């Protein structure tokens, strides 16, 4: 173990052979998207109308995009 750093991740030799190829589960991680919709309000942040509108438009665009992806998948499968 001399000169070796222990981590919870794979060893460096395993990472090099894997070439960081994403798996199928990596494409379906929606934690950040759901966190954007259901996060708590920060009481230390100033309330600004422009920021509220921007986040509202972002949420609408994410929803429309996800609906479009679902429709395309349904059309492709059926």
Protein backbone atom coordinates (compact mmCIF):
# COMPACT_ATOMS: atom_id res chain seq x y z
CA UNK A 1 0.00 0.00 0.00
CA UNK A 2 2.93 2.36 -0.22
CA UNK A 3 2.24 5.31 -2.50
CA UNK A 4 -1.37 4.23 -3.12
CA UNK A 5 -4.30 6.51 -2.36
CA UNK A 6 -7.36 4.67 -1.12
CA UNK A 7 -10.72 5.88 -2.37
CA UNK A 8 -14.24 4.53 -2.65
CA UNK A 9 -14.02 4.72 -6.44
CA UNK A 10 -12.46 2.20 -8.77
CA UNK A 11 -8.69 2.10 -8.98
CA UNK A 12 -6.98 4.14 -11.67
CA UNK A 13 -6.16 1.06 -13.74
CA UNK A 14 -9.85 0.07 -13.81
CA UNK A 15 -10.87 3.60 -14.85
CA UNK A 16 -8.35 3.58 -17.71
CA UNK A 17 -9.65 0.31 -19.12
CA UNK A 18 -13.27 1.45 -18.84
CA UNK A 19 -12.63 4.64 -20.91
CA UNK A 20 -15.46 6.32 -18.94
CA UNK A 21 -18.15 4.82 -21.17
CA UNK A 22 -21.54 5.86 -19.76
CA UNK A 23 -23.95 3.11 -18.88
CA UNK A 24 -27.69 3.13 -19.56
CA UNK A 25 -28.46 4.12 -15.97
CA UNK A 26 -26.36 7.28 -16.41
CA UNK A 27 -28.81 8.58 -19.01
CA UNK A 28 -31.83 8.22 -16.73
CA UNK A 29 -30.67 10.10 -13.63
CA UNK A 30 -33.24 12.81 -13.08
CA UNK A 31 -32.20 13.76 -9.55
CA UNK A 32 -30.96 17.23 -10.52
CA UNK A 33 -34.06 17.96 -12.58
CA UNK A 34 -36.40 16.88 -9.80
CA UNK A 35 -34.30 18.78 -7.29
CA UNK A 36 -34.81 21.92 -9.36
CA UNK A 37 -38.58 21.55 -9.11
CA UNK A 38 -38.84 20.55 -5.47
CA UNK A 39 -36.09 22.47 -3.68
CA UNK A 40 -36.74 24.54 -0.59
CA UNK A 41 -36.77 28.31 -0.70
CA UNK A 42 -33.59 29.91 0.57
CA UNK A 43 -34.57 32.57 3.16
CA UNK A 44 -31.20 34.36 2.75
CA UNK A 45 -31.72 34.98 -0.97
CA UNK A 46 -33.28 38.27 -2.09
CA UNK A 47 -36.66 37.99 -3.77
CA UNK A 48 -36.58 39.40 -7.28
CA UNK A 49 -39.45 39.32 -9.80
CA UNK A 50 -37.11 38.78 -12.75
CA UNK A 51 -35.50 35.75 -11.13
CA UNK A 52 -38.92 34.27 -10.27
CA UNK A 53 -40.09 34.68 -13.87
CA UNK A 54 -36.84 33.22 -15.22
CA UNK A 55 -37.18 30.11 -13.04
CA UNK A 56 -40.85 29.79 -14.01
CA UNK A 57 -39.98 29.87 -17.72
CA UNK A 58 -37.16 27.35 -17.14
CA UNK A 59 -39.56 24.97 -15.41
CA UNK A 60 -42.09 25.28 -18.24
CA UNK A 61 -39.40 24.62 -20.86
CA UNK A 62 -38.12 21.55 -19.00
CA UNK A 63 -41.66 20.14 -18.79
CA UNK A 64 -42.33 20.79 -22.50
CA UNK A 65 -39.00 19.19 -23.44
CA UNK A 66 -39.69 16.07 -21.36
CA UNK A 67 -43.18 15.77 -22.88
CA UNK A 68 -41.67 16.05 -26.38
CA UNK A 69 -39.10 13.35 -25.61
CA UNK A 70 -41.86 11.06 -24.32
CA UNK A 71 -43.97 11.68 -27.45
CA UNK A 72 -41.00 10.95 -29.71
CA UNK A 73 -40.24 7.74 -27.82
CA UNK A 74 -43.87 6.63 -28.07
CA UNK A 75 -43.98 7.36 -31.81
CA UNK A 76 -40.72 5.49 -32.35
CA UNK A 77 -41.83 2.43 -30.38
CA UNK A 78 -45.38 2.17 -31.71
